[in-house]
Amino acid sequence: MTEDSKESVLLRWSRRKQEAVQSTTGVGEDEPKETQASLDTTASTETETAPVLTDADMPPIESLDENSDFSGFMSEGVSDELRNLALRKLFKAPVFNIRDGLDEYDEDYTFFEKLGDVVTCDMKHHIEMKEQEEREARALAAEQDAEGEIEAMEAIEDDEDLEAMERIEDADIADKKSEIVSNADLQPENNQSADK
């Protein structure tokens, strides 16, 4: 498309739009273009000559509610502070504070609902695992206690055996000593008799 064809499309669209507006407002094609131009200029001068509203012209912020007209606060003569106060008052109205419930941050996540009697499968499994660990720990402790008792008994038996063996050895040594002494007593007599 060339630039001329674009303009022709735009011009044609603009012309048709103006024709539609003229037909709805009752301004006919019979009237001269000068009359239409004068109507446009009078409308623009009326908007330009409207007085600029200032802070003094505005109603007090406390008297405003959701049904009040806030358009006056958008005037160029109104200070930014007063405009912000009015907008803050407007947006605090209940109409603008409706939550749709889709926001993740709407809910209070600091309060958790108690489970009560509800026990999940994971909780049951965890409880069973803890009980099994406790049973194994008890069995291991009992086994270690039993081993300790056996070792103590063996130590006692070893001590008793040792004592018994020492008693036997002591008895054997005493017997041997007595034999040696008795033999020694007999031998000198034998030796004396042999000398004679």
Protein backbone atom coordinates (compact mmCIF):
# COMPACT_ATOMS: atom_id res chain seq x y z
CA MET A 1 0.00 0.00 0.00
CA THR A 2 1.22 3.43 -0.77
CA GLU A 3 0.94 6.45 1.45
CA ASP A 4 -1.78 7.97 -0.78
CA SER A 5 -4.00 4.93 -0.41
CA LYS A 6 -3.59 5.02 3.38
CA GLU A 7 -4.68 8.64 3.45
CA SER A 8 -7.61 7.95 1.21
CA VAL A 9 -8.76 5.16 3.52
CA LEU A 10 -8.39 7.44 6.54
CA LEU A 11 -10.08 10.36 4.81
CA ARG A 12 -12.92 8.15 3.71
CA TRP A 13 -13.32 6.76 7.25
CA SER A 14 -13.28 10.29 8.72
CA ARG A 15 -15.83 11.53 6.22
CA ARG A 16 -18.20 8.65 6.93
CA LYS A 17 -17.79 9.15 10.67
CA GLN A 18 -18.72 12.86 10.36
CA GLU A 19 -21.74 12.00 8.24
CA ALA A 20 -22.96 9.54 10.89
CA VAL A 21 -22.55 12.14 13.67
CA GLN A 22 -24.39 14.79 11.65
CA SER A 23 -27.27 12.48 10.94
CA THR A 24 -27.71 11.59 14.64
CA THR A 25 -27.50 15.19 15.93
CA GLY A 26 -29.92 16.51 13.37
CA VAL A 27 -27.42 18.80 11.72
CA GLY A 28 -28.15 18.40 8.08
CA GLU A 29 -25.99 18.75 5.08
CA ASP A 30 -28.09 21.75 4.14
CA GLU A 31 -26.38 23.97 6.71
CA PRO A 32 -23.24 25.68 5.62
CA LYS A 33 -19.91 24.54 6.95
CA GLU A 34 -19.43 27.93 8.55
CA THR A 35 -22.31 27.23 10.95
CA GLN A 36 -20.82 23.88 11.94
CA ALA A 37 -17.44 25.51 12.53
CA SER A 38 -19.01 28.21 14.69
CA LEU A 39 -20.75 25.53 16.80
CA ASP A 40 -17.42 23.75 17.35
CA THR A 41 -15.65 26.94 18.39
CA THR A 42 -18.36 27.98 20.85
CA ALA A 43 -18.24 24.58 22.52
CA SER A 44 -14.46 24.75 22.86
CA THR A 45 -14.53 28.30 24.29
CA GLU A 46 -17.13 27.28 26.87
CA THR A 47 -14.86 24.53 28.17
CA GLU A 48 -11.86 26.85 28.16
CA THR A 49 -13.63 29.64 30.04
CA ALA A 50 -14.86 27.35 32.85
CA PRO A 51 -13.38 28.54 36.13
CA VAL A 52 -10.46 26.53 37.51
CA LEU A 53 -11.39 24.97 40.85
CA THR A 54 -8.99 25.41 43.78
CA ASP A 55 -8.60 23.92 47.25
CA ALA A 56 -11.00 26.51 48.66
CA ASP A 57 -13.77 25.37 46.29
CA MET A 58 -13.58 21.72 47.38
CA PRO A 59 -15.86 20.20 50.06
CA PRO A 60 -14.23 18.90 53.26
CA ILE A 61 -12.75 15.41 52.94
CA GLU A 62 -14.71 14.13 55.97
CA SER A 63 -18.04 14.91 54.26
CA LEU A 64 -17.25 12.72 51.23
CA ASP A 65 -18.65 9.21 50.82
CA GLU A 66 -18.70 6.65 48.03
CA ASN A 67 -21.58 8.44 46.26
CA SER A 68 -19.88 11.87 46.26
CA ASP A 69 -18.55 13.51 43.10
CA PHE A 70 -14.75 13.37 43.13
CA SER A 71 -14.28 14.87 39.66
CA GLY A 72 -13.74 18.37 41.07
CA PHE A 73 -10.60 17.15 42.84
CA MET A 74 -9.06 16.35 39.44
CA SER A 75 -8.96 20.05 38.49
CA GLU A 76 -5.55 21.59 37.81
CA GLY A 77 -6.04 24.19 40.55
CA VAL A 78 -6.40 21.58 43.32
CA SER A 79 -3.20 20.79 45.21
CA ASP A 80 -1.69 17.31 44.93
CA GLU A 81 -2.05 16.73 48.67
CA LEU A 82 -5.80 17.41 48.65
CA ARG A 83 -6.25 15.34 45.49
CA ASN A 84 -4.40 12.40 47.12
CA LEU A 85 -6.49 12.68 50.28
CA ALA A 86 -9.69 12.65 48.22
CA LEU A 87 -8.53 9.64 46.19
CA ARG A 88 -7.51 7.83 49.36
CA LYS A 89 -10.98 8.49 50.79
CA LEU A 90 -12.56 7.24 47.54
CA PHE A 91 -10.57 4.02 47.40
CA LYS A 92 -11.21 3.21 51.06
CA ALA A 93 -14.89 2.87 50.21
CA PRO A 94 -16.25 -0.69 50.51
CA VAL A 95 -17.00 -0.75 46.79
CA PHE A 96 -13.26 -0.82 46.03
CA ASN A 97 -12.30 -3.22 48.83
CA ILE A 98 -13.87 -6.43 47.61
CA ARG A 99 -11.53 -9.41 47.75
CA ASP A 100 -11.97 -12.04 45.11
CA GLY A 101 -10.29 -14.75 47.19
CA LEU A 102 -7.80 -15.62 44.48
CA ASP A 103 -4.91 -13.72 46.01
CA GLU A 104 -2.48 -15.99 47.84
CA TYR A 105 -1.70 -13.33 50.41
CA ASP A 106 -5.36 -12.77 51.41
CA GLU A 107 -5.44 -15.60 53.92
CA ASP A 108 -3.94 -15.61 57.40
CA TYR A 109 -1.25 -18.28 57.33
CA THR A 110 -0.19 -17.72 60.95
CA PHE A 111 -3.20 -19.63 62.32
CA PHE A 112 -3.31 -23.34 61.63
CA GLU A 113 -6.41 -25.42 62.09
CA LYS A 114 -5.93 -28.24 64.57
CA LEU A 115 -6.13 -31.74 63.17
CA GLY A 116 -7.99 -33.15 66.14
CA ASP A 117 -8.76 -36.83 65.63
CA VAL A 118 -7.50 -36.82 62.07
CA VAL A 119 -4.36 -38.92 61.70
CA THR A 120 -2.91 -39.16 58.23
CA CYS A 121 -1.21 -42.21 56.73
CA ASP A 122 2.14 -40.44 56.95
CA MET A 123 1.58 -39.80 60.63
CA LYS A 124 0.67 -43.47 61.23
CA HIS A 125 3.76 -44.61 59.35
CA HIS A 126 5.93 -42.22 61.36
CA ILE A 127 4.44 -43.47 64.64
CA GLU A 128 5.03 -47.11 63.61
CA MET A 129 8.63 -46.33 62.67
CA LYS A 130 9.23 -44.65 66.06
CA GLU A 131 7.71 -47.63 67.91
CA GLN A 132 9.89 -50.03 65.93
CA GLU A 133 13.00 -47.96 66.72
CA GLU A 134 12.07 -47.99 70.42
CA ARG A 135 11.55 -51.80 70.35
CA GLU A 136 14.93 -52.28 68.66
CA ALA A 137 16.60 -49.96 71.18
CA ARG A 138 15.01 -51.89 74.08
CA ALA A 139 16.07 -55.25 72.57
CA LEU A 140 19.62 -53.97 72.05
CA ALA A 141 19.75 -52.66 75.64
CA ALA A 142 18.43 -56.00 76.96
CA GLU A 143 20.98 -57.88 74.85
CA GLN A 144 23.80 -55.68 76.14
CA ASP A 145 22.58 -56.17 79.71
CA ALA A 146 22.47 -59.94 79.17
CA GLU A 147 25.98 -59.91 77.69
CA GLY A 148 27.19 -57.85 80.65
CA GLU A 149 25.64 -60.31 83.08
CA ILE A 150 27.18 -63.26 81.23
CA GLU A 151 30.59 -61.61 81.28
CA ALA A 152 30.18 -60.89 84.97
CA MET A 153 29.17 -64.50 85.63
CA GLU A 154 32.09 -65.75 83.57
CA ALA A 155 34.40 -63.44 85.49
CA ILE A 156 32.99 -64.75 88.76
CA GLU A 157 33.33 -68.33 87.52
CA ASP A 158 36.86 -67.59 86.35
CA ASP A 159 37.64 -66.12 89.75
CA GLU A 160 36.08 -69.13 91.46
CA ASP A 161 37.97 -71.48 89.16
CA LEU A 162 41.13 -69.57 89.81
CA GLU A 163 40.56 -69.71 93.53
CA ALA A 164 39.76 -73.42 93.31
CA MET A 165 42.85 -74.01 91.23
CA GLU A 166 44.93 -72.01 93.66
CA ARG A 167 43.47 -74.04 96.49
CA ILE A 168 44.30 -77.25 94.63
CA GLU A 169 47.76 -75.99 93.82
CA ASP A 170 48.21 -74.85 97.40
CA ALA A 171 47.03 -78.26 98.57
CA ASP A 172 49.32 -79.96 96.07
CA ILE A 173 52.22 -77.79 97.18
CA ALA A 174 51.45 -78.52 100.83
CA ASP A 175 51.25 -82.22 100.06
CA LYS A 176 54.52 -82.10 98.21
CA LYS A 177 56.14 -80.16 101.04
CA SER A 178 54.88 -82.63 103.56
CA GLU A 179 56.15 -85.48 101.40
CA ILE A 180 59.46 -83.78 101.02
CA VAL A 181 59.64 -83.14 104.75
CA SER A 182 58.60 -86.65 105.56
CA ASN A 183 61.04 -87.98 103.02
CA ALA A 184 63.72 -85.75 104.40
CA ASP A 185 63.02 -87.00 107.89
CA LEU A 186 63.21 -90.57 106.74
CA GLN A 187 66.28 -90.20 104.72
CA PRO A 188 68.62 -89.11 107.48
CA GLU A 189 67.68 -92.17 109.46
CA ASN A 190 68.30 -94.26 106.43
CA ASN A 191 71.56 -92.49 105.94
CA GLN A 192 72.52 -92.97 109.57
CA SER A 193 71.67 -96.59 109.52
CA ALA A 194 73.67 -97.02 106.37
CA ASP A 195 76.64 -95.31 108.02
CA LYS A 196 76.67 -97.67 110.97
